[in-house]
Amino acid sequence: MVNPPVFQCIKALAAEIYEVTSTLFKVMIPITLLVKLLDELGGTEYLSYLLAPLMNWVGLPESMGLVWATTLLTNLYTGMLVFFLEAQHQAFTVADVTVLGGMLLIAHSLPIEARVSQLAGVRIAFTLLLRIGGALLFGWLLQQTFHYGDWLQQPNQLIWQPTQTDTSFSAWLLSFIQSLGMVVVIISVLLTLLKVLKLLHIERLLIWLLSPVLRCLGISAKATSIIIVGITLGLSYGGGLLIKEAKTGELTKQDVFAAVGFLGLFHSVIEDTLLIMLLGAHISGVLWIRLAFALIVTMLITFWLKRCSQSIFQRYLFSSTPP
């Protein structure tokens, strides 16, 4: 017979899993289907045409506009495939791929991730400005740094080779359904792990270790677990927890805003960074310099927030009643 307190704990955990996954599904399912429709209608090609001139600004060929456009609308995996096809026709240096990889890491999967940020309370316009503008600024800074120091100018070597994939709609639909199943599994494991860490008081240790950094970013210690999840697993999962906490009122609006800003620039640091490094990017740019960039930008945002009026904050930046 199950102990009543244990049963109550399991019941509460199941309810929490349902709340977070259902929130993410409400975002992911309609937006993914819409993006697929737009792609079939030529939306990706049109966006790549708009982005092509910006590629020259960061020292990349205009053809990379298609790679970034694909990644912005879908995900890193699809963008990597497009890059591989383009790399068959032109040569790149390690610096080039590091610049492109840094931009892809900051700005990708925006239809879903911008919506997740909006549900947490941050307006979509600011998220898009931060992610796209931040990616362009970061790419330009990397390009200037590598050019000035004459670093990473050796020819790039692709480590990753894509396998033959089925491009039919049925294959895409099956992959999408499998990804939804993985969301349920990951959220279940994640929330269970967080409960265990809390019971073992390990969460307190993590809060103590990260509190100095979070304090500099203007984020309270209450958001520690959200930041850890976002950094390690990605903005969608961290954002799902952030939406839940924002509804409870445990976090201030400034906490939510700063957390979304930081995670927008630096998230899924393990998987995404390794994926980009498979293209030949150097770890110095796609990890360490990107981390420094995210920390500096977030601190500047927090500094600015403390000095802007509440009316500007409420009207242009933060949605007081998340949809």
Foldseek 3Di string as FASTA:
>chain_A
DDDVVVVVVVVVLVVLLCQLLVVLCVQPVVLVVVLVVCVVVPVLVVQLVVCLVLQVLLPHHSQCSSLLSQFLSAHNVVSVVSVVVVCVPDWDFLLSLQLSLLLSLLHGNLSRLLLLLLLLWWHSVVLCCLRNVVSSVLSNVSSVVCVVVVPRRHIFDFQDDDDDDDPDPVSVVVVVVVVSVVSSVVSSVLSVVVVVCVVVVVLVVQLVVCVVLCVLLVAHSVLSSLLVCFQQPHSSSSSSVSSVVSVVVPGDQLNSLLSSQLSSQHGNPPVSVVSSVSRRHDCCRNPVVSNVSSSVVSSVVSVVVVVDDPVCCPPPTTPPDRD
